[in-house]
Amino acid sequence: MSQESKEAAIEIAKDFIKKQKKTEKVDVAVVETIEDCFVVRGMCPMYLKGHFWAEKFEVVIDQRGKIKSTFSSLP
């Protein structure tokens, strides 16, 4: 898989997290290739009970740019 595909996967994941979590700041930490899919992991801010928390996320994207699965949690 090319570097361009990796960059496209990062943008797809960022756009998805921005829309889902209603935030503008998304930090990508790791991009891995597992079984012909990109796994994008990182953190984004989450406002909960008067405080900002760092929420972890994982987005799995196939070669066609489709999101296969997502996961998010507080650390």
Protein backbone atom coordinates (compact mmCIF):
# COMPACT_ATOMS: atom_id res chain seq x y z
CA MET A 1 0.00 0.00 0.00
CA SER A 2 1.33 3.38 -0.94
CA GLN A 3 2.01 6.44 1.17
CA GLU A 4 -0.85 8.20 -0.65
CA SER A 5 -3.26 5.47 0.49
CA LYS A 6 -2.03 5.90 4.05
CA GLU A 7 -2.58 9.66 3.92
CA ALA A 8 -6.06 9.14 2.45
CA ALA A 9 -6.91 6.72 5.27
CA ILE A 10 -5.79 9.29 7.84
CA GLU A 11 -8.03 11.96 6.27
CA ILE A 12 -11.01 9.59 6.14
CA ALA A 13 -10.54 8.72 9.82
CA LYS A 14 -10.11 12.37 10.85
CA ASP A 15 -13.24 13.47 8.97
CA PHE A 16 -15.26 10.62 10.47
CA ILE A 17 -14.14 11.38 14.06
CA LYS A 18 -14.72 15.12 13.60
CA LYS A 19 -18.31 14.51 12.48
CA GLN A 20 -19.05 11.79 15.03
CA LYS A 21 -17.56 13.55 18.07
CA LYS A 22 -18.36 17.12 16.93
CA THR A 23 -14.80 18.31 17.46
CA GLU A 24 -12.21 20.06 15.31
CA LYS A 25 -9.09 18.65 16.99
CA VAL A 26 -8.14 15.08 16.10
CA ASP A 27 -4.63 13.78 16.79
CA VAL A 28 -3.53 10.66 14.92
CA ALA A 29 -0.86 8.71 16.78
CA VAL A 30 -0.41 5.46 14.83
CA VAL A 31 -1.36 4.09 11.42
CA GLU A 32 -0.88 0.35 10.93
CA THR A 33 -1.58 -1.97 8.02
CA ILE A 34 -3.29 -5.17 9.12
CA GLU A 35 -4.75 -7.67 6.63
CA ASP A 36 -5.00 -5.15 3.77
CA CYS A 37 -6.70 -2.57 6.00
CA PHE A 38 -5.45 0.59 7.65
CA VAL A 39 -5.92 0.87 11.40
CA VAL A 40 -5.81 4.54 12.45
CA ARG A 41 -5.45 5.22 16.18
CA GLY A 42 -5.31 8.48 18.06
CA MET A 43 -7.02 10.85 20.49
CA CYS A 44 -9.56 13.64 20.42
CA PRO A 45 -10.95 15.94 23.14
CA MET A 46 -14.25 15.10 24.78
CA TYR A 47 -16.21 17.46 27.03
CA LEU A 48 -17.79 15.57 29.93
CA LYS A 49 -19.18 16.89 33.22
CA GLY A 50 -17.49 20.28 32.95
CA HIS A 51 -14.04 18.97 31.99
CA PHE A 52 -12.19 18.06 28.83
CA TRP A 53 -10.99 14.48 28.59
CA ALA A 54 -8.76 12.80 26.02
CA GLU A 55 -10.76 10.10 24.27
CA LYS A 56 -8.92 7.31 22.42
CA PHE A 57 -10.22 6.15 19.06
CA GLU A 58 -9.54 3.45 16.49
CA VAL A 59 -10.88 3.43 12.93
CA VAL A 60 -10.37 0.48 10.55
CA ILE A 61 -10.49 1.41 6.86
CA ASP A 62 -10.34 -1.03 3.94
CA GLN A 63 -8.45 -0.49 0.66
CA ARG A 64 -11.50 1.08 -1.02
CA GLY A 65 -11.75 3.77 1.67
CA LYS A 66 -14.75 2.26 3.47
CA ILE A 67 -14.86 2.30 7.26
CA LYS A 68 -15.12 -1.29 8.50
CA SER A 69 -15.23 -0.63 12.25
CA THR A 70 -14.68 2.01 14.91
CA PHE A 71 -13.91 1.98 18.61
CA SER A 72 -13.53 4.76 21.15
CA SER A 73 -12.97 4.89 24.89
CA LEU A 74 -11.68 7.02 27.71
CA PRO A 75 -8.15 6.02 28.76
